[in-house]
Amino acid sequence: MIEVTDADFEAEVIGADLPVLVEFTADWCPPCRQMGPVLKALASEEGDRLKVVQLDVDANPGTTNAYKVLSMPTFMVFRGGEPVKAIVGARAKRRLLEELADVL
């Protein structure tokens, strides 16, 4: 899974050809850590349809503030450079896939 920063967010997410699932995460957030294996599995299984990246909110306040992220984990799907969906809170993989079905 790719880690993005304020510096490369535009290149990795806004300019991506595929839809991008961004997890806004933090080291101190237990539900964020729980999502690690789920997102790794999602990245390997859906890699041809979806790019999965993480952004550390503490190290990258510019992007975090630009998208008004207040809770961790927050997941945002970007397509064509625009955020098209936001999901707040940890999810089981099956449920996350169900919620992403309309944007994949």
C-alpha atoms as a PDB file:
ATOM      1  CA  MET A   1       0.000   0.000   0.000  1.00  0.00           C
ATOM      2  CA  ILE A   2       1.299   3.421  -0.944  1.00  0.00           C
ATOM      3  CA  GLU A   3       1.781   6.180   1.610  1.00  0.00           C
ATOM      4  CA  VAL A   4       1.105   9.643   0.224  1.00  0.00           C
ATOM      5  CA  THR A   5       2.049  13.057   1.603  1.00  0.00           C
ATOM      6  CA  ASP A   6       1.012  16.665   1.112  1.00  0.00           C
ATOM      7  CA  ALA A   7       3.886  16.912  -1.389  1.00  0.00           C
ATOM      8  CA  ASP A   8       2.855  14.038  -3.669  1.00  0.00           C
ATOM      9  CA  PHE A   9      -0.925  13.936  -3.068  1.00  0.00           C
ATOM     10  CA  GLU A  10      -1.683  15.706  -6.328  1.00  0.00           C
ATOM     11  CA  ALA A  11       0.500  13.380  -8.407  1.00  0.00           C
ATOM     12  CA  GLU A  12      -0.535  10.135  -6.657  1.00  0.00           C
ATOM     13  CA  VAL A  13      -4.244  10.831  -6.070  1.00  0.00           C
ATOM     14  CA  ILE A  14      -5.547  13.788  -8.088  1.00  0.00           C
ATOM     15  CA  GLY A  15      -3.673  12.753 -11.244  1.00  0.00           C
ATOM     16  CA  ALA A  16      -4.325   8.997 -10.969  1.00  0.00           C
ATOM     17  CA  ASP A  17      -5.952   7.107 -13.837  1.00  0.00           C
ATOM     18  CA  LEU A  18      -7.854   4.731 -11.523  1.00  0.00           C
ATOM     19  CA  PRO A  19     -10.239   5.683  -8.727  1.00  0.00           C
ATOM     20  CA  VAL A  20      -8.187   6.150  -5.540  1.00  0.00           C
ATOM     21  CA  LEU A  21      -9.242   5.138  -2.034  1.00  0.00           C
ATOM     22  CA  VAL A  22      -7.414   7.364   0.459  1.00  0.00           C
ATOM     23  CA  GLU A  23      -7.337   6.363   4.115  1.00  0.00           C
ATOM     24  CA  PHE A  24      -6.726   9.383   6.327  1.00  0.00           C
ATOM     25  CA  THR A  25      -4.998   7.699   9.257  1.00  0.00           C
ATOM     26  CA  ALA A  26      -2.900   8.288  12.370  1.00  0.00           C
ATOM     27  CA  ASP A  27      -0.446   6.150  14.356  1.00  0.00           C
ATOM     28  CA  TRP A  28      -2.384   6.788  17.585  1.00  0.00           C
ATOM     29  CA  CYS A  29      -5.697   5.542  16.124  1.00  0.00           C
ATOM     30  CA  PRO A  30      -6.532   1.875  17.001  1.00  0.00           C
ATOM     31  CA  PRO A  31      -9.346   1.543  14.402  1.00  0.00           C
ATOM     32  CA  CYS A  32      -6.894   2.826  11.769  1.00  0.00           C
ATOM     33  CA  ARG A  33      -4.436   0.071  12.675  1.00  0.00           C
ATOM     34  CA  GLN A  34      -7.260  -2.490  12.434  1.00  0.00           C
ATOM     35  CA  MET A  35      -7.901  -1.359   8.864  1.00  0.00           C
ATOM     36  CA  GLY A  36      -4.320  -2.096   7.742  1.00  0.00           C
ATOM     37  CA  PRO A  37      -4.875  -5.770   6.802  1.00  0.00           C
ATOM     38  CA  VAL A  38      -8.259  -4.952   5.242  1.00  0.00           C
ATOM     39  CA  LEU A  39      -6.755  -2.268   3.011  1.00  0.00           C
ATOM     40  CA  LYS A  40      -3.771  -4.443   2.038  1.00  0.00           C
ATOM     41  CA  ALA A  41      -6.172  -7.203   0.974  1.00  0.00           C
ATOM     42  CA  LEU A  42      -8.313  -4.683  -0.905  1.00  0.00           C
ATOM     43  CA  ALA A  43      -5.252  -3.265  -2.674  1.00  0.00           C
ATOM     44  CA  SER A  44      -4.115  -6.711  -3.834  1.00  0.00           C
ATOM     45  CA  GLU A  45      -7.584  -7.957  -4.843  1.00  0.00           C
ATOM     46  CA  GLU A  46      -8.901  -4.778  -6.497  1.00  0.00           C
ATOM     47  CA  GLY A  47      -5.601  -3.314  -7.731  1.00  0.00           C
ATOM     48  CA  ASP A  48      -6.721  -3.341 -11.367  1.00  0.00           C
ATOM     49  CA  ARG A  49      -9.822  -1.249 -10.518  1.00  0.00           C
ATOM     50  CA  LEU A  50      -8.783   0.766  -7.464  1.00  0.00           C
ATOM     51  CA  LYS A  51      -5.622   2.372  -6.119  1.00  0.00           C
ATOM     52  CA  VAL A  52      -5.389   2.265  -2.301  1.00  0.00           C
ATOM     53  CA  VAL A  53      -3.237   4.791  -0.427  1.00  0.00           C
ATOM     54  CA  GLN A  54      -2.769   6.066   3.133  1.00  0.00           C
ATOM     55  CA  LEU A  55      -2.154   9.614   4.344  1.00  0.00           C
ATOM     56  CA  ASP A  56      -0.889  10.278   7.872  1.00  0.00           C
ATOM     57  CA  VAL A  57      -2.987  13.200   9.143  1.00  0.00           C
ATOM     58  CA  ASP A  58      -0.412  14.333  11.704  1.00  0.00           C
ATOM     59  CA  ALA A  59       2.424  14.537   9.173  1.00  0.00           C
ATOM     60  CA  ASN A  60       0.258  16.021   6.382  1.00  0.00           C
ATOM     61  CA  PRO A  61      -2.021  18.731   7.797  1.00  0.00           C
ATOM     62  CA  GLY A  62      -2.400  20.573   4.488  1.00  0.00           C
ATOM     63  CA  THR A  63      -4.280  17.821   2.693  1.00  0.00           C
ATOM     64  CA  THR A  64      -6.129  16.818   5.865  1.00  0.00           C
ATOM     65  CA  ASN A  65      -7.429  20.368   6.344  1.00  0.00           C
ATOM     66  CA  ALA A  66      -8.166  20.879   2.644  1.00  0.00           C
ATOM     67  CA  TYR A  67     -10.645  17.978   2.729  1.00  0.00           C
ATOM     68  CA  LYS A  68     -11.962  18.855   6.213  1.00  0.00           C
ATOM     69  CA  VAL A  69     -11.056  15.473   7.712  1.00  0.00           C
ATOM     70  CA  LEU A  70     -11.903  15.479  11.421  1.00  0.00           C
ATOM     71  CA  SER A  71     -12.249  11.787  12.373  1.00  0.00           C
ATOM     72  CA  MET A  72      -9.951   8.825  11.865  1.00  0.00           C
ATOM     73  CA  PRO A  73     -10.105   6.691   9.931  1.00  0.00           C
ATOM     74  CA  THR A  74     -11.787   8.615   7.126  1.00  0.00           C
ATOM     75  CA  PHE A  75     -11.840   7.032   3.691  1.00  0.00           C
ATOM     76  CA  MET A  76     -12.288   9.167   0.594  1.00  0.00           C
ATOM     77  CA  VAL A  77     -12.619   7.945  -2.957  1.00  0.00           C
ATOM     78  CA  PHE A  78     -11.231  10.266  -5.608  1.00  0.00           C
ATOM     79  CA  ARG A  79     -12.156   9.842  -9.255  1.00  0.00           C
ATOM     80  CA  GLY A  80     -10.998  12.215 -11.971  1.00  0.00           C
ATOM     81  CA  GLY A  81      -9.273  14.318  -9.331  1.00  0.00           C
ATOM     82  CA  GLU A  82     -12.437  14.951  -7.318  1.00  0.00           C
ATOM     83  CA  PRO A  83     -13.647  13.389  -4.059  1.00  0.00           C
ATOM     84  CA  VAL A  84     -16.762  11.365  -4.918  1.00  0.00           C
ATOM     85  CA  LYS A  85     -17.387   9.496  -1.657  1.00  0.00           C
ATOM     86  CA  ALA A  86     -16.422   9.722   2.018  1.00  0.00           C
ATOM     87  CA  ILE A  87     -16.766   7.004   4.656  1.00  0.00           C
ATOM     88  CA  VAL A  88     -15.930   7.578   8.330  1.00  0.00           C
ATOM     89  CA  GLY A  89     -14.968   4.737  10.643  1.00  0.00           C
ATOM     90  CA  ALA A  90     -13.505   1.249  10.445  1.00  0.00           C
ATOM     91  CA  ARG A  91     -15.307  -1.371   8.348  1.00  0.00           C
ATOM     92  CA  ALA A  92     -15.069  -5.076   7.640  1.00  0.00           C
ATOM     93  CA  LYS A  93     -13.714  -5.711   4.136  1.00  0.00           C
ATOM     94  CA  ARG A  94     -17.049  -7.031   2.862  1.00  0.00           C
ATOM     95  CA  ARG A  95     -18.916  -3.970   4.106  1.00  0.00           C
ATOM     96  CA  LEU A  96     -16.267  -1.593   2.753  1.00  0.00           C
ATOM     97  CA  LEU A  97     -16.538  -3.241  -0.671  1.00  0.00           C
ATOM     98  CA  GLU A  98     -20.336  -2.926  -0.557  1.00  0.00           C
ATOM     99  CA  GLU A  99     -20.035   0.790   0.218  1.00  0.00           C
ATOM    100  CA  LEU A 100     -17.497   1.282  -2.574  1.00  0.00           C
ATOM    101  CA  ALA A 101     -19.478  -0.636  -5.197  1.00  0.00           C
ATOM    102  CA  ASP A 102     -21.113   2.475  -6.670  1.00  0.00           C
ATOM    103  CA  VAL A 103     -17.769   4.232  -7.280  1.00  0.00           C
ATOM    104  CA  LEU A 104     -15.720   1.328  -8.650  1.00  0.00           C
END
